[in-house]
Amino acid sequence: MLDRASVAAAHQDAALRDLPCRRIEADEIHSFCYARRKNVPPERAGQFGYGDVWTWVAIDPETKLVVSWLLGDREAGAARAFMRDLASRLSGRIN
């Protein structure tokens, strides 16, 4: 049985395709889960979801639509995955 979050995520993933956005504002937002990095217990150190977490977000400033988002770290791999997902949702190049 699917939960509501899974259904909503699947719908958003399918519906937000071939978007005609002309501009995108992208940024990353820092937060932490469970505890700040320095206070994470040693047995949880290095596990995703404990300590620093970054939300990568891309917004169309004209419509305020959140075109793409990703939860991850602040490394190049997360940035590439975020940009690949964003590019896959747009119908063309942006300015």
PDB file of N, CA and C in Angstrom:
ATOM      1  N   MET A   1       0.846  -1.185   0.000  1.00  0.00           N
ATOM      2  CA  MET A   1       0.000   0.000   0.000  1.00  0.00           C
ATOM      3  C   MET A   1       0.888   1.245   0.000  1.00  0.00           C
ATOM      4  N   LEU A   2       0.592   2.171  -0.873  1.00  0.00           N
ATOM      5  CA  LEU A   2       1.362   3.406  -0.964  1.00  0.00           C
ATOM      6  C   LEU A   2       0.877   4.420   0.054  1.00  0.00           C
ATOM      7  N   ASP A   3       1.820   5.160   0.627  1.00  0.00           N
ATOM      8  CA  ASP A   3       1.410   6.229   1.523  1.00  0.00           C
ATOM      9  C   ASP A   3       1.197   7.511   0.718  1.00  0.00           C
ATOM     10  N   ARG A   4       0.610   8.501   1.322  1.00  0.00           N
ATOM     11  CA  ARG A   4       0.277   9.747   0.613  1.00  0.00           C
ATOM     12  C   ARG A   4       1.513  10.456   0.080  1.00  0.00           C
ATOM     13  N   ALA A   5       2.587  10.436   0.832  1.00  0.00           N
ATOM     14  CA  ALA A   5       3.815  11.103   0.387  1.00  0.00           C
ATOM     15  C   ALA A   5       4.356  10.461  -0.884  1.00  0.00           C
ATOM     16  N   SER A   6       4.332   9.143  -0.951  1.00  0.00           N
ATOM     17  CA  SER A   6       4.802   8.445  -2.149  1.00  0.00           C
ATOM     18  C   SER A   6       3.933   8.757  -3.355  1.00  0.00           C
ATOM     19  N   VAL A   7       2.630   8.807  -3.138  1.00  0.00           N
ATOM     20  CA  VAL A   7       1.706   9.117  -4.227  1.00  0.00           C
ATOM     21  C   VAL A   7       1.930  10.551  -4.701  1.00  0.00           C
ATOM     22  N   ALA A   8       2.076  11.485  -3.776  1.00  0.00           N
ATOM     23  CA  ALA A   8       2.311  12.880  -4.142  1.00  0.00           C
ATOM     24  C   ALA A   8       3.636  13.031  -4.880  1.00  0.00           C
ATOM     25  N   ALA A   9       4.679  12.368  -4.419  1.00  0.00           N
ATOM     26  CA  ALA A   9       5.984  12.442  -5.075  1.00  0.00           C
ATOM     27  C   ALA A   9       5.920  11.868  -6.485  1.00  0.00           C
ATOM     28  N   ALA A  10       5.223  10.759  -6.659  1.00  0.00           N
ATOM     29  CA  ALA A  10       5.093  10.156  -7.985  1.00  0.00           C
ATOM     30  C   ALA A  10       4.306  11.070  -8.917  1.00  0.00           C
ATOM     31  N   HIS A  11       3.258  11.687  -8.408  1.00  0.00           N
ATOM     32  CA  HIS A  11       2.471  12.612  -9.224  1.00  0.00           C
ATOM     33  C   HIS A  11       3.322  13.816  -9.638  1.00  0.00           C
ATOM     34  N   GLN A  12       4.037  14.397  -8.682  1.00  0.00           N
ATOM     35  CA  GLN A  12       4.879  15.554  -8.992  1.00  0.00           C
ATOM     36  C   GLN A  12       5.951  15.177 -10.006  1.00  0.00           C
ATOM     37  N   ASP A  13       6.546  14.023  -9.845  1.00  0.00           N
ATOM     38  CA  ASP A  13       7.591  13.597 -10.771  1.00  0.00           C
ATOM     39  C   ASP A  13       7.046  13.442 -12.184  1.00  0.00           C
ATOM     40  N   ALA A  14       5.835  12.926 -12.313  1.00  0.00           N
ATOM     41  CA  ALA A  14       5.238  12.731 -13.640  1.00  0.00           C
ATOM     42  C   ALA A  14       4.691  14.034 -14.221  1.00  0.00           C
ATOM     43  N   ALA A  15       4.093  14.875 -13.391  1.00  0.00           N
ATOM     44  CA  ALA A  15       3.418  16.080 -13.879  1.00  0.00           C
ATOM     45  C   ALA A  15       4.385  17.214 -14.208  1.00  0.00           C
ATOM     46  N   LEU A  16       5.465  17.323 -13.468  1.00  0.00           N
ATOM     47  CA  LEU A  16       6.392  18.438 -13.683  1.00  0.00           C
ATOM     48  C   LEU A  16       7.431  18.070 -14.738  1.00  0.00           C
ATOM     49  N   ARG A  17       6.973  17.973 -15.966  1.00  0.00           N
ATOM     50  CA  ARG A  17       7.815  17.644 -17.122  1.00  0.00           C
ATOM     51  C   ARG A  17       7.498  18.606 -18.248  1.00  0.00           C
ATOM     52  N   ASP A  18       8.487  18.855 -19.098  1.00  0.00           N
ATOM     53  CA  ASP A  18       8.322  19.713 -20.274  1.00  0.00           C
ATOM     54  C   ASP A  18       7.822  21.110 -19.895  1.00  0.00           C
ATOM     55  N   LEU A  19       8.391  21.655 -18.817  1.00  0.00           N
ATOM     56  CA  LEU A  19       7.968  22.961 -18.311  1.00  0.00           C
ATOM     57  C   LEU A  19       8.583  24.085 -19.143  1.00  0.00           C
ATOM     58  N   PRO A  20       7.800  25.121 -19.459  1.00  0.00           N
ATOM     59  CA  PRO A  20       8.288  26.209 -20.312  1.00  0.00           C
ATOM     60  C   PRO A  20       8.956  27.352 -19.540  1.00  0.00           C
ATOM     61  N   CYS A  21       9.606  27.070 -18.451  1.00  0.00           N
ATOM     62  CA  CYS A  21      10.219  28.110 -17.618  1.00  0.00           C
ATOM     63  C   CYS A  21      11.259  28.897 -18.416  1.00  0.00           C
ATOM     64  N   ARG A  22      11.269  30.211 -18.203  1.00  0.00           N
ATOM     65  CA  ARG A  22      12.259  31.063 -18.868  1.00  0.00           C
ATOM     66  C   ARG A  22      13.411  31.414 -17.941  1.00  0.00           C
ATOM     67  N   ARG A  23      13.138  31.418 -16.643  1.00  0.00           N
ATOM     68  CA  ARG A  23      14.170  31.693 -15.632  1.00  0.00           C
ATOM     69  C   ARG A  23      14.010  30.700 -14.499  1.00  0.00           C
ATOM     70  N   ILE A  24      15.112  30.389 -13.847  1.00  0.00           N
ATOM     71  CA  ILE A  24      15.106  29.520 -12.673  1.00  0.00           C
ATOM     72  C   ILE A  24      16.038  30.133 -11.636  1.00  0.00           C
ATOM     73  N   GLU A  25      15.601  30.141 -10.405  1.00  0.00           N
ATOM     74  CA  GLU A  25      16.449  30.537  -9.287  1.00  0.00           C
ATOM     75  C   GLU A  25      16.755  29.271  -8.497  1.00  0.00           C
ATOM     76  N   ALA A  26      18.036  28.961  -8.376  1.00  0.00           N
ATOM     77  CA  ALA A  26      18.451  27.738  -7.681  1.00  0.00           C
ATOM     78  C   ALA A  26      19.313  28.106  -6.482  1.00  0.00           C
ATOM     79  N   ASP A  27      19.149  27.384  -5.409  1.00  0.00           N
ATOM     80  CA  ASP A  27      19.915  27.650  -4.197  1.00  0.00           C
ATOM     81  C   ASP A  27      19.950  26.384  -3.354  1.00  0.00           C
ATOM     82  N   GLU A  28      20.784  26.394  -2.336  1.00  0.00           N
ATOM     83  CA  GLU A  28      20.806  25.301  -1.379  1.00  0.00           C
ATOM     84  C   GLU A  28      20.610  25.879   0.016  1.00  0.00           C
ATOM     85  N   ILE A  29      19.892  25.134   0.840  1.00  0.00           N
ATOM     86  CA  ILE A  29      19.529  25.589   2.178  1.00  0.00           C
ATOM     87  C   ILE A  29      20.095  24.603   3.188  1.00  0.00           C
ATOM     88  N   HIS A  30      20.851  25.102   4.151  1.00  0.00           N
ATOM     89  CA  HIS A  30      21.467  24.242   5.164  1.00  0.00           C
ATOM     90  C   HIS A  30      20.527  24.060   6.345  1.00  0.00           C
ATOM     91  N   SER A  31      20.479  22.846   6.846  1.00  0.00           N
ATOM     92  CA  SER A  31      19.801  22.554   8.102  1.00  0.00           C
ATOM     93  C   SER A  31      20.471  21.326   8.706  1.00  0.00           C
ATOM     94  N   PHE A  32      19.948  20.864   9.801  1.00  0.00           N
ATOM     95  CA  PHE A  32      20.494  19.642  10.386  1.00  0.00           C
ATOM     96  C   PHE A  32      19.351  18.778  10.880  1.00  0.00           C
ATOM     97  N   CYS A  33      19.600  17.474  10.887  1.00  0.00           N
ATOM     98  CA  CYS A  33      18.640  16.496  11.396  1.00  0.00           C
ATOM     99  C   CYS A  33      19.221  15.846  12.640  1.00  0.00           C
ATOM    100  N   TYR A  34      18.408  15.612  13.593  1.00  0.00           N
ATOM    101  CA  TYR A  34      18.769  14.959  14.846  1.00  0.00           C
ATOM    102  C   TYR A  34      19.614  15.859  15.727  1.00  0.00           C
ATOM    103  N   ALA A  35      20.761  16.284  15.225  1.00  0.00           N
ATOM    104  CA  ALA A  35      21.663  17.130  16.009  1.00  0.00           C
ATOM    105  C   ALA A  35      22.627  17.834  15.068  1.00  0.00           C
ATOM    106  N   ARG A  36      23.228  18.893  15.531  1.00  0.00           N
ATOM    107  CA  ARG A  36      24.294  19.530  14.755  1.00  0.00           C
ATOM    108  C   ARG A  36      25.432  18.527  14.592  1.00  0.00           C
ATOM    109  N   ARG A  37      26.206  18.698  13.514  1.00  0.00           N
ATOM    110  CA  ARG A  37      27.265  17.740  13.181  1.00  0.00           C
ATOM    111  C   ARG A  37      28.170  17.440  14.380  1.00  0.00           C
ATOM    112  N   LYS A  38      28.556  18.467  15.135  1.00  0.00           N
ATOM    113  CA  LYS A  38      29.482  18.255  16.252  1.00  0.00           C
ATOM    114  C   LYS A  38      28.854  17.465  17.406  1.00  0.00           C
ATOM    115  N   ASN A  39      27.514  17.379  17.443  1.00  0.00           N
ATOM    116  CA  ASN A  39      26.836  16.673  18.532  1.00  0.00           C
ATOM    117  C   ASN A  39      26.269  15.311  18.139  1.00  0.00           C
ATOM    118  N   VAL A  40      26.526  14.870  16.913  1.00  0.00           N
ATOM    119  CA  VAL A  40      26.033  13.563  16.468  1.00  0.00           C
ATOM    120  C   VAL A  40      26.817  12.470  17.204  1.00  0.00           C
ATOM    121  N   PRO A  41      26.130  11.469  17.773  1.00  0.00           N
ATOM    122  CA  PRO A  41      26.837  10.391  18.457  1.00  0.00           C
ATOM    123  C   PRO A  41      27.777   9.643  17.498  1.00  0.00           C
ATOM    124  N   PRO A  42      28.900   9.149  17.995  1.00  0.00           N
ATOM    125  CA  PRO A  42      29.871   8.470  17.128  1.00  0.00           C
ATOM    126  C   PRO A  42      29.269   7.323  16.306  1.00  0.00           C
ATOM    127  N   GLU A  43      28.297   6.606  16.856  1.00  0.00           N
ATOM    128  CA  GLU A  43      27.713   5.480  16.119  1.00  0.00           C
ATOM    129  C   GLU A  43      26.822   5.951  14.957  1.00  0.00           C
ATOM    130  N   ARG A  44      26.472   7.223  14.915  1.00  0.00           N
ATOM    131  CA  ARG A  44      25.655   7.786  13.830  1.00  0.00           C
ATOM    132  C   ARG A  44      26.466   8.691  12.898  1.00  0.00           C
ATOM    133  N   ALA A  45      27.708   8.952  13.242  1.00  0.00           N
ATOM    134  CA  ALA A  45      28.542   9.855  12.443  1.00  0.00           C
ATOM    135  C   ALA A  45      28.682   9.343  11.010  1.00  0.00           C
ATOM    136  N   GLY A  46      28.479  10.236  10.055  1.00  0.00           N
ATOM    137  CA  GLY A  46      28.620   9.872   8.652  1.00  0.00           C
ATOM    138  C   GLY A  46      27.381   9.273   8.017  1.00  0.00           C
ATOM    139  N   GLN A  47      26.342   8.996   8.810  1.00  0.00           N
ATOM    140  CA  GLN A  47      25.096   8.450   8.259  1.00  0.00           C
ATOM    141  C   GLN A  47      24.201   9.597   7.802  1.00  0.00           C
ATOM    142  N   PHE A  48      23.639   9.477   6.579  1.00  0.00           N
ATOM    143  CA  PHE A  48      22.733  10.506   6.098  1.00  0.00           C
ATOM    144  C   PHE A  48      21.517  10.576   7.011  1.00  0.00           C
ATOM    145  N   GLY A  49      21.092  11.788   7.314  1.00  0.00           N
ATOM    146  CA  GLY A  49      19.958  11.999   8.204  1.00  0.00           C
ATOM    147  C   GLY A  49      20.375  12.334   9.618  1.00  0.00           C
ATOM    148  N   TYR A  50      21.666  12.320   9.868  1.00  0.00           N
ATOM    149  CA  TYR A  50      22.202  12.709  11.174  1.00  0.00           C
ATOM    150  C   TYR A  50      23.240  13.790  10.927  1.00  0.00           C
ATOM    151  N   GLY A  51      22.967  14.976  11.411  1.00  0.00           N
ATOM    152  CA  GLY A  51      23.903  16.083  11.205  1.00  0.00           C
ATOM    153  C   GLY A  51      23.465  16.963  10.053  1.00  0.00           C
ATOM    154  N   ASP A  52      24.431  17.456   9.284  1.00  0.00           N
ATOM    155  CA  ASP A  52      24.153  18.407   8.204  1.00  0.00           C
ATOM    156  C   ASP A  52      23.339  17.787   7.075  1.00  0.00           C
ATOM    157  N   VAL A  53      22.342  18.523   6.624  1.00  0.00           N
ATOM    158  CA  VAL A  53      21.526  18.147   5.471  1.00  0.00           C
ATOM    159  C   VAL A  53      21.299  19.407   4.656  1.00  0.00           C
ATOM    160  N   TRP A  54      21.389  19.259   3.350  1.00  0.00           N
ATOM    161  CA  TRP A  54      21.181  20.390   2.449  1.00  0.00           C
ATOM    162  C   TRP A  54      19.960  20.127   1.591  1.00  0.00           C
ATOM    163  N   THR A  55      19.094  21.140   1.445  1.00  0.00           N
ATOM    164  CA  THR A  55      17.965  21.082   0.533  1.00  0.00           C
ATOM    165  C   THR A  55      18.321  21.923  -0.679  1.00  0.00           C
ATOM    166  N   TRP A  56      18.454  21.275  -1.817  1.00  0.00           N
ATOM    167  CA  TRP A  56      18.707  21.954  -3.087  1.00  0.00           C
ATOM    168  C   TRP A  56      17.335  22.251  -3.686  1.00  0.00           C
ATOM    169  N   VAL A  57      17.109  23.482  -4.117  1.00  0.00           N
ATOM    170  CA  VAL A  57      15.785  23.855  -4.624  1.00  0.00           C
ATOM    171  C   VAL A  57      15.914  24.745  -5.853  1.00  0.00           C
ATOM    172  N   ALA A  58      15.035  24.516  -6.830  1.00  0.00           N
ATOM    173  CA  ALA A  58      14.963  25.329  -8.046  1.00  0.00           C
ATOM    174  C   ALA A  58      13.537  25.856  -8.169  1.00  0.00           C
ATOM    175  N   ILE A  59      13.403  27.179  -8.273  1.00  0.00           N
ATOM    176  CA  ILE A  59      12.106  27.829  -8.300  1.00  0.00           C
ATOM    177  C   ILE A  59      11.976  28.680  -9.560  1.00  0.00           C
ATOM    178  N   ASP A  60      10.817  28.621 -10.196  1.00  0.00           N
ATOM    179  CA  ASP A  60      10.492  29.530 -11.290  1.00  0.00           C
ATOM    180  C   ASP A  60      10.002  30.821 -10.632  1.00  0.00           C
ATOM    181  N   PRO A  61      10.747  31.937 -10.752  1.00  0.00           N
ATOM    182  CA  PRO A  61      10.356  33.163 -10.042  1.00  0.00           C
ATOM    183  C   PRO A  61       9.079  33.807 -10.564  1.00  0.00           C
ATOM    184  N   GLU A  62       8.668  33.480 -11.776  1.00  0.00           N
ATOM    185  CA  GLU A  62       7.437  34.061 -12.326  1.00  0.00           C
ATOM    186  C   GLU A  62       6.193  33.383 -11.759  1.00  0.00           C
ATOM    187  N   THR A  63       6.225  32.062 -11.639  1.00  0.00           N
ATOM    188  CA  THR A  63       5.050  31.316 -11.173  1.00  0.00           C
ATOM    189  C   THR A  63       5.167  30.859  -9.721  1.00  0.00           C
ATOM    190  N   LYS A  64       6.372  30.937  -9.171  1.00  0.00           N
ATOM    191  CA  LYS A  64       6.677  30.461  -7.806  1.00  0.00           C
ATOM    192  C   LYS A  64       6.591  28.940  -7.693  1.00  0.00           C
ATOM    193  N   LEU A  65       6.628  28.251  -8.821  1.00  0.00           N
ATOM    194  CA  LEU A  65       6.594  26.792  -8.835  1.00  0.00           C
ATOM    195  C   LEU A  65       7.956  26.237  -8.434  1.00  0.00           C
ATOM    196  N   VAL A  66       7.958  25.311  -7.499  1.00  0.00           N
ATOM    197  CA  VAL A  66       9.188  24.589  -7.165  1.00  0.00           C
ATOM    198  C   VAL A  66       9.332  23.485  -8.201  1.00  0.00           C
ATOM    199  N   VAL A  67      10.249  23.705  -9.125  1.00  0.00           N
ATOM    200  CA  VAL A  67      10.426  22.815 -10.271  1.00  0.00           C
ATOM    201  C   VAL A  67      11.151  21.537  -9.868  1.00  0.00           C
ATOM    202  N   SER A  68      12.150  21.667  -8.997  1.00  0.00           N
ATOM    203  CA  SER A  68      12.945  20.506  -8.582  1.00  0.00           C
ATOM    204  C   SER A  68      13.498  20.755  -7.187  1.00  0.00           C
ATOM    205  N   TRP A  69      13.687  19.668  -6.450  1.00  0.00           N
ATOM    206  CA  TRP A  69      14.330  19.766  -5.142  1.00  0.00           C
ATOM    207  C   TRP A  69      15.022  18.446  -4.846  1.00  0.00           C
ATOM    208  N   LEU A  70      16.002  18.528  -3.969  1.00  0.00           N
ATOM    209  CA  LEU A  70      16.771  17.337  -3.592  1.00  0.00           C
ATOM    210  C   LEU A  70      17.289  17.512  -2.178  1.00  0.00           C
ATOM    211  N   LEU A  71      17.187  16.487  -1.371  1.00  0.00           N
ATOM    212  CA  LEU A  71      17.815  16.474  -0.048  1.00  0.00           C
ATOM    213  C   LEU A  71      19.105  15.695  -0.166  1.00  0.00           C
ATOM    214  N   GLY A  72      20.187  16.267   0.328  1.00  0.00           N
ATOM    215  CA  GLY A  72      21.462  15.574   0.235  1.00  0.00           C
ATOM    216  C   GLY A  72      22.552  16.314   0.967  1.00  0.00           C
ATOM    217  N   ASP A  73      23.775  16.005   0.600  1.00  0.00           N
ATOM    218  CA  ASP A  73      24.910  16.707   1.183  1.00  0.00           C
ATOM    219  C   ASP A  73      25.274  17.874   0.271  1.00  0.00           C
ATOM    220  N   ARG A  74      26.371  18.530   0.559  1.00  0.00           N
ATOM    221  CA  ARG A  74      26.776  19.681  -0.251  1.00  0.00           C
ATOM    222  C   ARG A  74      28.003  19.335  -1.087  1.00  0.00           C
ATOM    223  N   GLU A  75      27.973  18.188  -1.678  1.00  0.00           N
ATOM    224  CA  GLU A  75      29.076  17.710  -2.510  1.00  0.00           C
ATOM    225  C   GLU A  75      28.697  17.802  -3.988  1.00  0.00           C
ATOM    226  N   ALA A  76      29.699  17.647  -4.845  1.00  0.00           N
ATOM    227  CA  ALA A  76      29.497  17.760  -6.287  1.00  0.00           C
ATOM    228  C   ALA A  76      28.501  16.733  -6.817  1.00  0.00           C
ATOM    229  N   GLY A  77      28.491  15.537  -6.269  1.00  0.00           N
ATOM    230  CA  GLY A  77      27.563  14.506  -6.720  1.00  0.00           C
ATOM    231  C   GLY A  77      26.111  14.912  -6.530  1.00  0.00           C
ATOM    232  N   ALA A  78      25.810  15.513  -5.392  1.00  0.00           N
ATOM    233  CA  ALA A  78      24.444  15.982  -5.133  1.00  0.00           C
ATOM    234  C   ALA A  78      24.096  17.130  -6.077  1.00  0.00           C
ATOM    235  N   ALA A  79      25.042  18.033  -6.314  1.00  0.00           N
ATOM    236  CA  ALA A  79      24.802  19.159  -7.226  1.00  0.00           C
ATOM    237  C   ALA A  79      24.527  18.660  -8.642  1.00  0.00           C
ATOM    238  N   ARG A  80      25.298  17.684  -9.098  1.00  0.00           N
ATOM    239  CA  ARG A  80      25.075  17.133 -10.442  1.00  0.00           C
ATOM    240  C   ARG A  80      23.721  16.441 -10.548  1.00  0.00           C
ATOM    241  N   ALA A  81      23.357  15.665  -9.542  1.00  0.00           N
ATOM    242  CA  ALA A  81      22.062  14.970  -9.559  1.00  0.00           C
ATOM    243  C   ALA A  81      20.919  15.982  -9.576  1.00  0.00           C
ATOM    244  N   PHE A  82      21.054  17.036  -8.799  1.00  0.00           N
ATOM    245  CA  PHE A  82      20.033  18.083  -8.749  1.00  0.00           C
ATOM    246  C   PHE A  82      19.893  18.768 -10.105  1.00  0.00           C
ATOM    247  N   MET A  83      21.006  19.138 -10.713  1.00  0.00           N
ATOM    248  CA  MET A  83      20.956  19.823 -12.009  1.00  0.00           C
ATOM    249  C   MET A  83      20.458  18.908 -13.133  1.00  0.00           C
ATOM    250  N   ARG A  84      20.807  17.623 -13.078  1.00  0.00           N
ATOM    251  CA  ARG A  84      20.288  16.675 -14.074  1.00  0.00           C
ATOM    252  C   ARG A  84      18.768  16.556 -13.962  1.00  0.00           C
ATOM    253  N   ASP A  85      18.270  16.466 -12.722  1.00  0.00           N
ATOM    254  CA  ASP A  85      16.825  16.377 -12.525  1.00  0.00           C
ATOM    255  C   ASP A  85      16.144  17.651 -13.010  1.00  0.00           C
ATOM    256  N   LEU A  86      16.696  18.796 -12.674  1.00  0.00           N
ATOM    257  CA  LEU A  86      16.137  20.069 -13.118  1.00  0.00           C
ATOM    258  C   LEU A  86      16.077  20.131 -14.642  1.00  0.00           C
ATOM    259  N   ALA A  87      17.181  19.812 -15.296  1.00  0.00           N
ATOM    260  CA  ALA A  87      17.232  19.855 -16.768  1.00  0.00           C
ATOM    261  C   ALA A  87      16.204  18.914 -17.395  1.00  0.00           C
ATOM    262  N   SER A  88      15.960  17.777 -16.764  1.00  0.00           N
ATOM    263  CA  SER A  88      15.010  16.809 -17.323  1.00  0.00           C
ATOM    264  C   SER A  88      13.574  17.301 -17.258  1.00  0.00           C
ATOM    265  N   ARG A  89      13.306  18.310 -16.465  1.00  0.00           N
ATOM    266  CA  ARG A  89      11.945  18.824 -16.289  1.00  0.00           C
ATOM    267  C   ARG A  89      11.635  20.010 -17.203  1.00  0.00           C
ATOM    268  N   LEU A  90      12.639  20.610 -17.812  1.00  0.00           N
ATOM    269  CA  LEU A  90      12.444  21.816 -18.614  1.00  0.00           C
ATOM    270  C   LEU A  90      12.294  21.477 -20.081  1.00  0.00           C
ATOM    271  N   SER A  91      11.488  22.275 -20.800  1.00  0.00           N
ATOM    272  CA  SER A  91      11.278  22.032 -22.224  1.00  0.00           C
ATOM    273  C   SER A  91      12.405  22.592 -23.076  1.00  0.00           C
ATOM    274  N   GLY A  92      13.178  23.506 -22.540  1.00  0.00           N
ATOM    275  CA  GLY A  92      14.282  24.101 -23.299  1.00  0.00           C
ATOM    276  C   GLY A  92      15.290  24.749 -22.361  1.00  0.00           C
ATOM    277  N   ARG A  93      16.174  25.513 -22.962  1.00  0.00           N
ATOM    278  CA  ARG A  93      17.198  26.191 -22.181  1.00  0.00           C
ATOM    279  C   ARG A  93      16.599  27.412 -21.469  1.00  0.00           C
ATOM    280  N   ILE A  94      17.224  27.798 -20.376  1.00  0.00           N
ATOM    281  CA  ILE A  94      16.788  28.982 -19.638  1.00  0.00           C
ATOM    282  C   ILE A  94      17.802  30.096 -19.822  1.00  0.00           C
ATOM    283  N   ASN A  95      17.388  31.312 -19.514  1.00  0.00           N
ATOM    284  CA  ASN A  95      18.288  32.471 -19.633  1.00  0.00           C
ATOM    285  C   ASN A  95      19.169  32.598 -18.417  1.00  0.00           C
TER     286      ASN A  95
END
